[in-house]
C-alpha atoms as a PDB file:
ATOM      1  CA  MET A   1      62.317 -54.537-193.989  1.00  0.00           C
ATOM      2  CA  PHE A   2      62.478 -52.840-190.579  1.00  0.00           C
ATOM      3  CA  GLU A   3      60.827 -54.712-187.707  1.00  0.00           C
ATOM      4  CA  ILE A   4      59.735 -53.599-184.231  1.00  0.00           C
ATOM      5  CA  ARG A   5      58.537 -55.653-181.260  1.00  0.00           C
ATOM      6  CA  LEU A   6      56.990 -54.093-178.155  1.00  0.00           C
ATOM      7  CA  GLU A   7      56.808 -56.117-174.927  1.00  0.00           C
ATOM      8  CA  SER A   8      54.465 -54.857-172.224  1.00  0.00           C
ATOM      9  CA  ILE A   9      51.619 -55.510-169.845  1.00  0.00           C
ATOM     10  CA  GLY A  10      48.051 -54.363-170.376  1.00  0.00           C
ATOM     11  CA  GLY A  11      47.421 -50.754-169.351  1.00  0.00           C
ATOM     12  CA  LEU A  12      50.676 -49.135-170.488  1.00  0.00           C
ATOM     13  CA  GLY A  13      49.551 -48.424-174.053  1.00  0.00           C
ATOM     14  CA  ALA A  14      51.914 -50.647-176.044  1.00  0.00           C
ATOM     15  CA  ASN A  15      49.120 -51.708-178.404  1.00  0.00           C
ATOM     16  CA  LEU A  16      48.305 -48.068-179.180  1.00  0.00           C
ATOM     17  CA  ALA A  17      52.017 -47.249-179.545  1.00  0.00           C
ATOM     18  CA  GLY A  18      52.320 -49.996-182.175  1.00  0.00           C
ATOM     19  CA  LYS A  19      49.320 -48.631-184.070  1.00  0.00           C
ATOM     20  CA  LEU A  20      50.780 -45.119-183.997  1.00  0.00           C
ATOM     21  CA  LEU A  21      54.128 -46.362-185.321  1.00  0.00           C
ATOM     22  CA  GLY A  22      52.326 -48.141-188.154  1.00  0.00           C
ATOM     23  CA  GLU A  23      50.291 -45.036-188.982  1.00  0.00           C
ATOM     24  CA  ALA A  24      53.418 -42.868-188.891  1.00  0.00           C
ATOM     25  CA  ALA A  25      55.093 -45.128-191.458  1.00  0.00           C
ATOM     26  CA  ALA A  26      52.082 -45.572-193.734  1.00  0.00           C
ATOM     27  CA  CYS A  27      50.601 -42.075-193.633  1.00  0.00           C
ATOM     28  CA  HIS A  28      53.626 -39.830-193.121  1.00  0.00           C
ATOM     29  CA  MET A  29      56.809 -41.723-194.096  1.00  0.00           C
ATOM     30  CA  GLY A  30      55.552 -43.058-197.442  1.00  0.00           C
ATOM     31  CA  LEU A  31      56.155 -46.696-196.542  1.00  0.00           C
ATOM     32  CA  ASN A  32      54.272 -49.939-196.516  1.00  0.00           C
ATOM     33  CA  ALA A  33      53.453 -50.696-192.896  1.00  0.00           C
ATOM     34  CA  GLN A  34      51.997 -53.476-190.817  1.00  0.00           C
ATOM     35  CA  SER A  35      50.895 -53.284-187.185  1.00  0.00           C
ATOM     36  CA  PHE A  36      49.153 -55.866-185.020  1.00  0.00           C
ATOM     37  CA  ALA A  37      49.153 -57.059-181.430  1.00  0.00           C
ATOM     38  CA  GLU A  38      49.010 -60.257-179.426  1.00  0.00           C
ATOM     39  CA  TYR A  39      47.206 -60.301-176.094  1.00  0.00           C
ATOM     40  CA  GLY A  40      44.688 -62.247-174.042  1.00  0.00           C
ATOM     41  CA  SER A  41      41.746 -60.451-172.480  1.00  0.00           C
ATOM     42  CA  GLU A  42      43.038 -56.863-172.788  1.00  0.00           C
ATOM     43  CA  LYS A  43      43.102 -56.901-169.010  1.00  0.00           C
ATOM     44  CA  ARG A  44      45.382 -54.543-167.125  1.00  0.00           C
ATOM     45  CA  GLY A  45      48.460 -56.489-166.114  1.00  0.00           C
ATOM     46  CA  SER A  46      48.182 -59.299-168.666  1.00  0.00           C
ATOM     47  CA  PRO A  47      51.081 -59.797-171.126  1.00  0.00           C
ATOM     48  CA  VAL A  48      50.907 -57.812-174.381  1.00  0.00           C
ATOM     49  CA  LYS A  49      53.078 -57.933-177.488  1.00  0.00           C
ATOM     50  CA  ALA A  50      52.800 -55.478-180.376  1.00  0.00           C
ATOM     51  CA  TYR A  51      54.481 -55.967-183.758  1.00  0.00           C
ATOM     52  CA  VAL A  52      55.283 -53.380-186.437  1.00  0.00           C
ATOM     53  CA  ARG A  53      56.947 -53.695-189.840  1.00  0.00           C
ATOM     54  CA  PHE A  54      58.098 -51.011-192.281  1.00  0.00           C
ATOM     55  CA  ALA A  55      59.058 -51.559-195.915  1.00  0.00           C
ATOM     56  CA  SER A  56      59.262 -49.482-199.084  1.00  0.00           C
ATOM     57  CA  PHE A  57      56.523 -49.739-201.688  1.00  0.00           C
ATOM     58  CA  GLN A  58      58.966 -51.688-203.831  1.00  0.00           C
ATOM     59  CA  GLU A  59      59.146 -54.361-201.116  1.00  0.00           C
ATOM     60  CA  PRO A  60      55.629 -55.651-200.467  1.00  0.00           C
ATOM     61  CA  MET A  61      55.194 -57.476-197.159  1.00  0.00           C
ATOM     62  CA  ARG A  62      53.849 -60.977-197.585  1.00  0.00           C
ATOM     63  CA  ILE A  63      54.192 -62.185-193.998  1.00  0.00           C
ATOM     64  CA  SER A  64      52.065 -61.542-190.938  1.00  0.00           C
ATOM     65  CA  SER A  65      53.846 -63.636-188.336  1.00  0.00           C
ATOM     66  CA  PRO A  66      55.190 -62.303-185.009  1.00  0.00           C
ATOM     67  CA  VAL A  67      58.461 -60.390-185.164  1.00  0.00           C
ATOM     68  CA  ARG A  68      61.187 -62.849-184.217  1.00  0.00           C
ATOM     69  CA  ASN A  69      64.363 -60.804-184.752  1.00  0.00           C
ATOM     70  CA  PRO A  70      63.489 -57.143-184.129  1.00  0.00           C
ATOM     71  CA  ASP A  71      65.594 -54.237-185.289  1.00  0.00           C
ATOM     72  CA  LEU A  72      64.003 -52.269-182.459  1.00  0.00           C
ATOM     73  CA  LEU A  73      62.713 -53.745-179.189  1.00  0.00           C
ATOM     74  CA  GLY A  74      60.677 -51.765-176.650  1.00  0.00           C
ATOM     75  CA  ILE A  75      60.175 -53.146-173.130  1.00  0.00           C
ATOM     76  CA  PHE A  76      57.455 -51.080-171.430  1.00  0.00           C
ATOM     77  CA  SER A  77      57.682 -52.813-168.048  1.00  0.00           C
ATOM     78  CA  MET A  78      60.518 -54.642-166.319  1.00  0.00           C
ATOM     79  CA  GLY A  79      57.863 -56.762-164.606  1.00  0.00           C
ATOM     80  CA  VAL A  80      57.040 -58.607-167.811  1.00  0.00           C
ATOM     81  CA  ALA A  81      60.658 -59.755-168.099  1.00  0.00           C
ATOM     82  CA  GLY A  82      60.160 -62.109-165.178  1.00  0.00           C
ATOM     83  CA  LYS A  83      57.457 -64.096-166.941  1.00  0.00           C
ATOM     84  CA  GLU A  84      59.116 -64.921-170.246  1.00  0.00           C
ATOM     85  CA  ASN A  85      62.289 -64.057-172.120  1.00  0.00           C
ATOM     86  CA  VAL A  86      61.301 -60.791-173.745  1.00  0.00           C
ATOM     87  CA  THR A  87      64.798 -60.228-175.153  1.00  0.00           C
ATOM     88  CA  SER A  88      64.932 -63.385-177.267  1.00  0.00           C
ATOM     89  CA  GLY A  89      65.711 -62.941-180.941  1.00  0.00           C
ATOM     90  CA  ILE A  90      67.579 -59.645-180.659  1.00  0.00           C
ATOM     91  CA  LYS A  91      70.616 -59.055-182.873  1.00  0.00           C
ATOM     92  CA  ARG A  92      73.863 -57.177-182.394  1.00  0.00           C
ATOM     93  CA  ASP A  93      72.445 -54.119-184.137  1.00  0.00           C
ATOM     94  CA  THR A  94      69.088 -54.210-182.306  1.00  0.00           C
ATOM     95  CA  GLY A  95      68.132 -51.078-180.417  1.00  0.00           C
ATOM     96  CA  VAL A  96      66.605 -52.035-177.059  1.00  0.00           C
ATOM     97  CA  VAL A  97      64.535 -49.387-175.230  1.00  0.00           C
ATOM     98  CA  VAL A  98      63.597 -50.165-171.620  1.00  0.00           C
ATOM     99  CA  ASN A  99      61.317 -48.320-169.199  1.00  0.00           C
ATOM    100  CA  THR A 100      63.295 -48.520-165.968  1.00  0.00           C
ATOM    101  CA  SER A 101      64.639 -46.326-163.181  1.00  0.00           C
ATOM    102  CA  ILE A 102      67.825 -48.345-162.657  1.00  0.00           C
ATOM    103  CA  SER A 103      71.131 -47.739-164.415  1.00  0.00           C
ATOM    104  CA  PRO A 104      71.879 -49.085-167.912  1.00  0.00           C
ATOM    105  CA  GLU A 105      74.505 -51.423-166.454  1.00  0.00           C
ATOM    106  CA  SER A 106      72.034 -52.831-163.925  1.00  0.00           C
ATOM    107  CA  THR A 107      69.381 -53.121-166.616  1.00  0.00           C
ATOM    108  CA  ARG A 108      71.775 -55.155-168.742  1.00  0.00           C
ATOM    109  CA  GLU A 109      72.362 -57.544-165.843  1.00  0.00           C
ATOM    110  CA  ARG A 110      68.683 -57.766-164.946  1.00  0.00           C
ATOM    111  CA  LEU A 111      67.663 -58.634-168.522  1.00  0.00           C
ATOM    112  CA  LYS A 112      70.819 -60.660-169.291  1.00  0.00           C
ATOM    113  CA  LEU A 113      71.279 -58.747-172.525  1.00  0.00           C
ATOM    114  CA  PRO A 114      73.685 -59.960-175.209  1.00  0.00           C
ATOM    115  CA  PRO A 115      75.625 -57.386-177.265  1.00  0.00           C
ATOM    116  CA  CYS A 116      73.224 -54.658-178.484  1.00  0.00           C
ATOM    117  CA  THR A 117      72.559 -50.947-178.085  1.00  0.00           C
ATOM    118  CA  LEU A 118      70.542 -50.261-174.948  1.00  0.00           C
ATOM    119  CA  TYR A 119      68.477 -47.151-174.195  1.00  0.00           C
ATOM    120  CA  THR A 120      66.991 -46.689-170.722  1.00  0.00           C
ATOM    121  CA  ILE A 121      64.466 -44.122-169.527  1.00  0.00           C
ATOM    122  CA  ASP A 122      62.262 -43.805-166.452  1.00  0.00           C
ATOM    123  CA  ALA A 123      59.077 -43.438-168.472  1.00  0.00           C
ATOM    124  CA  THR A 124      56.820 -44.050-165.466  1.00  0.00           C
ATOM    125  CA  SER A 125      58.185 -41.105-163.471  1.00  0.00           C
ATOM    126  CA  ALA A 126      58.262 -38.873-166.545  1.00  0.00           C
ATOM    127  CA  ALA A 127      54.636 -39.684-167.374  1.00  0.00           C
ATOM    128  CA  MET A 128      53.571 -38.721-163.838  1.00  0.00           C
ATOM    129  CA  GLU A 129      55.486 -35.452-163.999  1.00  0.00           C
ATOM    130  CA  LEU A 130      54.368 -34.434-167.496  1.00  0.00           C
ATOM    131  CA  LYS A 131      50.785 -35.678-167.036  1.00  0.00           C
ATOM    132  CA  THR A 132      50.960 -37.949-170.035  1.00  0.00           C
ATOM    133  CA  ARG A 133      51.094 -41.709-170.657  1.00  0.00           C
ATOM    134  CA  VAL A 134      54.015 -44.119-170.510  1.00  0.00           C
ATOM    135  CA  ASN A 135      53.558 -44.991-174.193  1.00  0.00           C
ATOM    136  CA  MET A 136      54.197 -41.370-175.258  1.00  0.00           C
ATOM    137  CA  ILE A 137      57.531 -41.313-173.400  1.00  0.00           C
ATOM    138  CA  MET A 138      58.445 -44.663-174.936  1.00  0.00           C
ATOM    139  CA  LEU A 139      57.545 -43.473-178.452  1.00  0.00           C
ATOM    140  CA  GLY A 140      60.054 -40.645-178.108  1.00  0.00           C
ATOM    141  CA  ALA A 141      62.742 -42.998-176.818  1.00  0.00           C
ATOM    142  CA  LEU A 142      62.079 -45.437-179.688  1.00  0.00           C
ATOM    143  CA  CYS A 143      62.597 -42.572-182.133  1.00  0.00           C
ATOM    144  CA  ALA A 144      65.915 -41.766-180.435  1.00  0.00           C
ATOM    145  CA  ALA A 145      67.053 -45.384-180.665  1.00  0.00           C
ATOM    146  CA  LYS A 146      66.629 -45.831-184.426  1.00  0.00           C
ATOM    147  CA  LYS A 147      66.663 -43.201-187.192  1.00  0.00           C
ATOM    148  CA  GLU A 148      64.225 -45.339-189.189  1.00  0.00           C
ATOM    149  CA  VAL A 149      61.499 -44.164-186.783  1.00  0.00           C
ATOM    150  CA  ASP A 150      61.065 -40.503-187.711  1.00  0.00           C
ATOM    151  CA  LEU A 151      60.211 -38.231-184.770  1.00  0.00           C
ATOM    152  CA  SER A 152      58.217 -35.672-186.772  1.00  0.00           C
ATOM    153  CA  CYS A 153      56.163 -38.411-188.451  1.00  0.00           C
ATOM    154  CA  VAL A 154      55.348 -40.031-185.101  1.00  0.00           C
ATOM    155  CA  LYS A 155      54.187 -36.649-183.799  1.00  0.00           C
ATOM    156  CA  ALA A 156      52.039 -36.220-186.898  1.00  0.00           C
ATOM    157  CA  ALA A 157      50.451 -39.630-186.315  1.00  0.00           C
ATOM    158  CA  VAL A 158      49.699 -38.675-182.693  1.00  0.00           C
ATOM    159  CA  ARG A 159      48.126 -35.441-183.899  1.00  0.00           C
ATOM    160  CA  ASP A 160      45.930 -37.213-186.450  1.00  0.00           C
ATOM    161  CA  SER A 161      44.895 -40.116-184.204  1.00  0.00           C
ATOM    162  CA  LEU A 162      44.710 -38.549-180.748  1.00  0.00           C
ATOM    163  CA  GLY A 163      44.628 -34.794-181.305  1.00  0.00           C
ATOM    164  CA  LYS A 164      40.912 -34.573-182.033  1.00  0.00           C
ATOM    165  CA  LYS A 165      39.862 -37.409-179.744  1.00  0.00           C
ATOM    166  CA  TYR A 166      41.781 -36.157-176.691  1.00  0.00           C
ATOM    167  CA  PRO A 167      42.536 -32.463-177.394  1.00  0.00           C
ATOM    168  CA  GLU A 168      43.169 -31.721-173.715  1.00  0.00           C
ATOM    169  CA  MET A 169      46.013 -34.272-173.720  1.00  0.00           C
ATOM    170  CA  PHE A 170      47.589 -33.319-177.039  1.00  0.00           C
ATOM    171  CA  GLU A 171      50.220 -30.863-175.810  1.00  0.00           C
ATOM    172  CA  SER A 172      51.245 -33.046-172.874  1.00  0.00           C
ATOM    173  CA  ASN A 173      51.531 -36.028-175.238  1.00  0.00           C
ATOM    174  CA  LEU A 174      53.882 -34.071-177.482  1.00  0.00           C
ATOM    175  CA  ARG A 175      55.937 -33.006-174.452  1.00  0.00           C
ATOM    176  CA  GLY A 176      56.137 -36.644-173.439  1.00  0.00           C
ATOM    177  CA  ILE A 177      57.427 -37.686-176.867  1.00  0.00           C
ATOM    178  CA  ASP A 178      60.050 -34.923-176.817  1.00  0.00           C
ATOM    179  CA  TYR A 179      61.102 -35.911-173.307  1.00  0.00           C
ATOM    180  CA  GLY A 180      61.603 -39.514-174.310  1.00  0.00           C
ATOM    181  CA  TYR A 181      63.560 -38.497-177.396  1.00  0.00           C
ATOM    182  CA  ASN A 182      65.896 -36.159-175.499  1.00  0.00           C
ATOM    183  CA  ASN A 183      66.403 -38.085-172.266  1.00  0.00           C
ATOM    184  CA  ALA A 184      66.896 -41.742-173.209  1.00  0.00           C
ATOM    185  CA  LEU A 185      70.308 -42.891-171.950  1.00  0.00           C
ATOM    186  CA  LYS A 186      72.382 -44.758-174.520  1.00  0.00           C
ATOM    187  CA  TYR A 187      74.604 -47.654-173.462  1.00  0.00           C
ATOM    188  CA  THR A 188      76.493 -50.030-175.728  1.00  0.00           C
ATOM    189  CA  VAL A 189      76.317 -53.498-174.220  1.00  0.00           C
ATOM    190  CA  PRO A 190      79.860 -54.946-174.443  1.00  0.00           C
ATOM    191  CA  ASP A 191      80.627 -58.102-176.361  1.00  0.00           C
ATOM    192  CA  ASP A 192      82.081 -59.870-173.331  1.00  0.00           C
ATOM    193  CA  GLY A 193      80.485 -63.261-173.936  1.00  0.00           C
ATOM    194  CA  LYS A 194      78.564 -63.018-170.682  1.00  0.00           C
ATOM    195  CA  TYR A 195      75.096 -63.583-172.128  1.00  0.00           C
ATOM    196  CA  PRO A 196      74.402 -65.243-175.494  1.00  0.00           C
ATOM    197  CA  CYS A 197      71.765 -64.256-178.024  1.00  0.00           C
ATOM    198  CA  LEU A 198      68.722 -66.473-177.526  1.00  0.00           C
ATOM    199  CA  GLU A 199      66.577 -67.859-180.297  1.00  0.00           C
ATOM    200  CA  TYR A 200      63.015 -66.538-180.391  1.00  0.00           C
ATOM    201  CA  LYS A 201      60.374 -69.132-179.563  1.00  0.00           C
ATOM    202  CA  GLU A 202      56.648 -68.599-179.545  1.00  0.00           C
ATOM    203  CA  VAL A 203      54.775 -69.424-176.350  1.00  0.00           C
ATOM    204  CA  ARG A 204      53.418 -72.962-176.454  1.00  0.00           C
ATOM    205  CA  ARG A 205      50.446 -74.021-174.356  1.00  0.00           C
ATOM    206  CA  ALA A 206      50.261 -77.348-172.563  1.00  0.00           C
ATOM    207  CA  TRP A 207      46.878 -78.011-174.194  1.00  0.00           C
ATOM    208  CA  GLY A 208      45.702 -77.138-177.703  1.00  0.00           C
ATOM    209  CA  TRP A 209      42.733 -77.840-179.957  1.00  0.00           C
ATOM    210  CA  ASP A 210      43.817 -81.430-180.547  1.00  0.00           C
ATOM    211  CA  ASN A 211      44.537 -82.520-176.972  1.00  0.00           C
ATOM    212  CA  ALA A 212      42.418 -80.355-174.643  1.00  0.00           C
ATOM    213  CA  PRO A 213      39.769 -82.284-172.669  1.00  0.00           C
ATOM    214  CA  LEU A 214      36.125 -81.650-173.425  1.00  0.00           C
ATOM    215  CA  GLY A 215      34.186 -79.263-171.237  1.00  0.00           C
ATOM    216  CA  GLY A 216      36.416 -76.192-171.389  1.00  0.00           C
ATOM    217  CA  VAL A 217      38.619 -77.145-168.439  1.00  0.00           C
ATOM    218  CA  ASN A 218      41.212 -74.472-167.634  1.00  0.00           C
ATOM    219  CA  PRO A 219      44.522 -76.181-166.720  1.00  0.00           C
ATOM    220  CA  LEU A 220      46.072 -72.962-165.404  1.00  0.00           C
ATOM    221  CA  PHE A 221      46.272 -72.536-161.687  1.00  0.00           C
ATOM    222  CA  GLY A 222      46.347 -68.761-161.571  1.00  0.00           C
ATOM    223  CA  SER A 223      44.399 -66.742-158.992  1.00  0.00           C
ATOM    224  CA  THR A 224      45.800 -68.912-156.198  1.00  0.00           C
ATOM    225  CA  VAL A 225      47.998 -67.987-153.260  1.00  0.00           C
ATOM    226  CA  THR A 226      51.002 -69.443-155.091  1.00  0.00           C
ATOM    227  CA  ASN A 227      50.610 -67.130-158.107  1.00  0.00           C
ATOM    228  CA  ARG A 228      52.322 -63.819-157.434  1.00  0.00           C
ATOM    229  CA  LEU A 229      50.822 -60.733-159.095  1.00  0.00           C
ATOM    230  CA  ASP A 230      53.711 -58.274-159.015  1.00  0.00           C
ATOM    231  CA  SER A 231      54.089 -58.396-162.802  1.00  0.00           C
ATOM    232  CA  SER A 232      50.603 -56.857-163.099  1.00  0.00           C
ATOM    233  CA  ARG A 233      51.727 -53.586-161.536  1.00  0.00           C
ATOM    234  CA  GLU A 234      52.264 -50.550-163.727  1.00  0.00           C
ATOM    235  CA  GLY A 235      54.934 -48.907-161.600  1.00  0.00           C
ATOM    236  CA  TYR A 236      52.755 -47.771-158.698  1.00  0.00           C
ATOM    237  CA  ILE A 237      52.006 -49.364-155.323  1.00  0.00           C
ATOM    238  CA  PRO A 238      50.059 -48.330-152.210  1.00  0.00           C
ATOM    239  CA  ILE A 239      52.278 -47.227-149.327  1.00  0.00           C
ATOM    240  CA  PHE A 240      50.896 -48.022-145.860  1.00  0.00           C
ATOM    241  CA  ASN A 241      51.342 -45.580-142.954  1.00  0.00           C
ATOM    242  CA  LYS A 242      50.354 -47.503-139.828  1.00  0.00           C
ATOM    243  CA  ASP A 243      50.339 -44.373-137.656  1.00  0.00           C
ATOM    244  CA  LYS A 244      47.442 -42.903-139.654  1.00  0.00           C
ATOM    245  CA  CYS A 245      45.446 -46.138-139.848  1.00  0.00           C
ATOM    246  CA  ILE A 246      42.188 -46.300-137.860  1.00  0.00           C
ATOM    247  CA  ASN A 247      41.649 -50.013-138.696  1.00  0.00           C
ATOM    248  CA  CYS A 248      38.304 -49.330-140.351  1.00  0.00           C
ATOM    249  CA  GLY A 249      38.768 -52.186-142.835  1.00  0.00           C
ATOM    250  CA  LEU A 250      37.674 -50.245-145.934  1.00  0.00           C
ATOM    251  CA  CYS A 251      40.942 -51.120-147.671  1.00  0.00           C
ATOM    252  CA  ASP A 252      40.321 -54.806-147.105  1.00  0.00           C
ATOM    253  CA  THR A 253      36.784 -54.480-148.458  1.00  0.00           C
ATOM    254  CA  ALA A 254      37.962 -52.696-151.614  1.00  0.00           C
ATOM    255  CA  CYS A 255      40.987 -54.915-152.331  1.00  0.00           C
ATOM    256  CA  PRO A 256      40.256 -57.506-155.067  1.00  0.00           C
ATOM    257  CA  ASP A 257      43.184 -59.703-154.010  1.00  0.00           C
ATOM    258  CA  MET A 258      42.922 -59.634-150.201  1.00  0.00           C
ATOM    259  CA  VAL A 259      46.459 -58.332-149.642  1.00  0.00           C
ATOM    260  CA  PHE A 260      45.601 -56.807-146.248  1.00  0.00           C
ATOM    261  CA  GLN A 261      45.677 -59.004-143.176  1.00  0.00           C
ATOM    262  CA  PHE A 262      44.126 -58.205-139.828  1.00  0.00           C
ATOM    263  CA  ALA A 263      44.814 -59.787-136.448  1.00  0.00           C
ATOM    264  CA  GLU A 264      43.666 -59.227-132.881  1.00  0.00           C
ATOM    265  CA  GLY A 265      45.570 -56.352-131.321  1.00  0.00           C
ATOM    266  CA  GLU A 266      45.192 -53.176-129.317  1.00  0.00           C
ATOM    267  CA  TYR A 267      43.908 -49.917-130.731  1.00  0.00           C
ATOM    268  CA  LYS A 268      43.207 -46.881-128.524  1.00  0.00           C
ATOM    269  CA  GLY A 269      43.371 -49.018-125.418  1.00  0.00           C
ATOM    270  CA  LYS A 270      40.881 -51.593-126.656  1.00  0.00           C
ATOM    271  CA  THR A 271      41.260 -55.038-128.150  1.00  0.00           C
ATOM    272  CA  SER A 272      40.224 -54.958-131.796  1.00  0.00           C
ATOM    273  CA  PRO A 273      41.311 -56.190-135.249  1.00  0.00           C
ATOM    274  CA  VAL A 274      44.480 -54.346-136.290  1.00  0.00           C
ATOM    275  CA  ASN A 275      45.738 -53.863-139.848  1.00  0.00           C
ATOM    276  CA  LEU A 276      49.076 -55.677-140.236  1.00  0.00           C
ATOM    277  CA  GLY A 277      49.897 -54.145-143.617  1.00  0.00           C
ATOM    278  CA  ILE A 278      50.231 -55.106-147.280  1.00  0.00           C
ATOM    279  CA  ASP A 279      51.445 -58.325-148.848  1.00  0.00           C
ATOM    280  CA  TYR A 280      53.067 -57.057-152.043  1.00  0.00           C
ATOM    281  CA  TYR A 281      53.450 -60.538-153.537  1.00  0.00           C
ATOM    282  CA  HIS A 282      49.745 -60.477-154.342  1.00  0.00           C
ATOM    283  CA  CYS A 283      49.197 -56.725-154.858  1.00  0.00           C
ATOM    284  CA  LYS A 284      48.645 -55.817-158.519  1.00  0.00           C
ATOM    285  CA  GLY A 285      48.796 -52.063-157.934  1.00  0.00           C
ATOM    286  CA  CYS A 286      45.180 -51.140-158.718  1.00  0.00           C
ATOM    287  CA  LEU A 287      45.276 -48.527-155.878  1.00  0.00           C
ATOM    288  CA  ARG A 288      41.609 -49.036-154.991  1.00  0.00           C
ATOM    289  CA  CYS A 289      42.622 -49.083-151.338  1.00  0.00           C
ATOM    290  CA  VAL A 290      44.143 -45.608-151.723  1.00  0.00           C
ATOM    291  CA  GLU A 291      40.866 -44.270-153.116  1.00  0.00           C
ATOM    292  CA  VAL A 292      38.741 -45.499-150.204  1.00  0.00           C
ATOM    293  CA  CYS A 293      41.101 -44.782-147.278  1.00  0.00           C
ATOM    294  CA  PRO A 294      39.504 -41.991-145.183  1.00  0.00           C
ATOM    295  CA  THR A 295      42.667 -40.994-143.293  1.00  0.00           C
ATOM    296  CA  ASP A 296      45.336 -41.074-146.036  1.00  0.00           C
ATOM    297  CA  ALA A 297      46.970 -44.025-144.320  1.00  0.00           C
ATOM    298  CA  LEU A 298      47.419 -45.400-147.840  1.00  0.00           C
ATOM    299  CA  GLU A 299      49.093 -43.233-150.454  1.00  0.00           C
ATOM    300  CA  PRO A 300      50.266 -43.982-154.014  1.00  0.00           C
ATOM    301  CA  GLY A 301      53.991 -44.335-154.515  1.00  0.00           C
ATOM    302  CA  LYS A 302      56.456 -45.376-157.185  1.00  0.00           C
ATOM    303  CA  GLU A 303      57.491 -48.980-156.844  1.00  0.00           C
ATOM    304  CA  SER A 304      61.044 -48.041-157.861  1.00  0.00           C
ATOM    305  CA  ASP A 305      61.342 -45.911-154.704  1.00  0.00           C
ATOM    306  CA  PHE A 306      60.283 -48.734-152.364  1.00  0.00           C
ATOM    307  CA  ASN A 307      62.106 -51.997-151.667  1.00  0.00           C
ATOM    308  CA  VAL A 308      59.175 -54.385-152.020  1.00  0.00           C
ATOM    309  CA  LYS A 309      61.302 -57.513-151.627  1.00  0.00           C
ATOM    310  CA  GLU A 310      62.891 -56.287-148.408  1.00  0.00           C
ATOM    311  CA  HIS A 311      59.468 -55.302-147.066  1.00  0.00           C
ATOM    312  CA  ASN A 312      57.911 -58.691-147.710  1.00  0.00           C
ATOM    313  CA  MET A 313      60.891 -60.615-146.383  1.00  0.00           C
ATOM    314  CA  GLY A 314      60.681 -58.588-143.178  1.00  0.00           C
ATOM    315  CA  CYS A 315      56.935 -59.150-142.723  1.00  0.00           C
ATOM    316  CA  ILE A 316      56.856 -62.823-141.806  1.00  0.00           C
ATOM    317  CA  HIS A 317      53.433 -62.374-140.206  1.00  0.00           C
ATOM    318  CA  LEU A 318      51.870 -61.419-143.550  1.00  0.00           C
ATOM    319  CA  LEU A 319      52.292 -64.668-145.404  1.00  0.00           C
ATOM    320  CA  ASP A 320      53.657 -68.151-145.014  1.00  0.00           C
ATOM    321  CA  LYS A 321      56.145 -68.106-147.889  1.00  0.00           C
ATOM    322  CA  SER A 322      57.372 -71.677-147.432  1.00  0.00           C
ATOM    323  CA  PHE A 323      55.768 -72.650-150.766  1.00  0.00           C
ATOM    324  CA  THR A 324      57.181 -72.005-154.233  1.00  0.00           C
ATOM    325  CA  PHE A 325      55.561 -69.321-156.377  1.00  0.00           C
ATOM    326  CA  ASP A 326      54.236 -70.471-159.744  1.00  0.00           C
ATOM    327  CA  ASN A 327      55.269 -68.704-162.931  1.00  0.00           C
ATOM    328  CA  VAL A 328      51.917 -68.745-164.734  1.00  0.00           C
ATOM    329  CA  GLY A 329      51.445 -65.166-165.853  1.00  0.00           C
ATOM    330  CA  ALA A 330      49.814 -62.092-164.444  1.00  0.00           C
ATOM    331  CA  ASP A 331      46.476 -63.707-163.589  1.00  0.00           C
ATOM    332  CA  GLY A 332      46.115 -66.967-165.449  1.00  0.00           C
ATOM    333  CA  ILE A 333      42.548 -67.869-164.498  1.00  0.00           C
ATOM    334  CA  VAL A 334      41.184 -64.493-165.659  1.00  0.00           C
ATOM    335  CA  THR A 335      43.250 -63.852-168.757  1.00  0.00           C
ATOM    336  CA  GLY A 336      43.288 -67.441-169.965  1.00  0.00           C
ATOM    337  CA  GLU A 337      46.637 -66.539-171.528  1.00  0.00           C
ATOM    338  CA  SER A 338      49.417 -67.713-169.236  1.00  0.00           C
ATOM    339  CA  THR A 339      53.029 -67.510-170.251  1.00  0.00           C
ATOM    340  CA  VAL A 340      53.711 -71.006-168.989  1.00  0.00           C
ATOM    341  CA  ARG A 341      55.460 -73.191-171.531  1.00  0.00           C
ATOM    342  CA  SER A 342      54.685 -76.853-172.038  1.00  0.00           C
ATOM    343  CA  GLU A 343      58.182 -77.919-171.090  1.00  0.00           C
ATOM    344  CA  GLU A 344      57.895 -76.061-167.777  1.00  0.00           C
ATOM    345  CA  ARG A 345      54.807 -78.070-166.858  1.00  0.00           C
END
């Protein structure tokens, strides 16, 4: 049996990628196949896991549990790695495909990878350039990582499932798959004993059906100032140009997370509220502010090209960061599916 696990956040298409891999195996590779996903509210930014299994017709699959020890692991966003250990359960022969703009060596250190075969690709930038989706780039890279995932069969599944539904995107989707297949960088993680293989453990909630209080109380403290939202971003952030800003406040009105802060200042020789900028700790990258800005003072940019941490550390006026940020998922109060573990509480 060949097993695949995809780790992502909502909005990047990992669920669809898992379905396409299952259809490729069942309809075009002549295999038994199983594909299902695990997610909360299907909200953009919330954690998503997709599972796929292949087996010959002589080996019927009699399990439907999450994939614990994948032969192929796809990580669609580096942001999700900060919320739970997405690399747990991998083996020495696991192919690990990561959407990232940093080098394979830096990716290994960031994810604390044990010995495995790592493939890195900047799927976000490629999707912008080719006018396709991140999941198409990742599908191609997954095919490059393991011969068990046949490139031509994956293309056939995309044609059957998406070709008629989105004909205008079909050619760009195929270009995205080819790009991922041809441009994934291979790196063999050395067996230097630096990071051990970790056992896979399912996420456990603090409360379950047998111990939750009556009344539907939500114990998660998401949607508070202490819950950072950077893991919700899909690779894009708004870039603020203060010189173009007319302090109209439309960005603040449109922002669902109140990341803009205004203070009394001087504008055109008069005392008025002045835009101090963006607090990226609580920006989830929806880019609504970019859409409403009348002067292009806010423009979309790739997060990988901007040092968010350095920006926030240098903007003391934006936020009192004396508190400790809570690790409770992308937006715990909305999704209802935090990644907090019982032992962490």
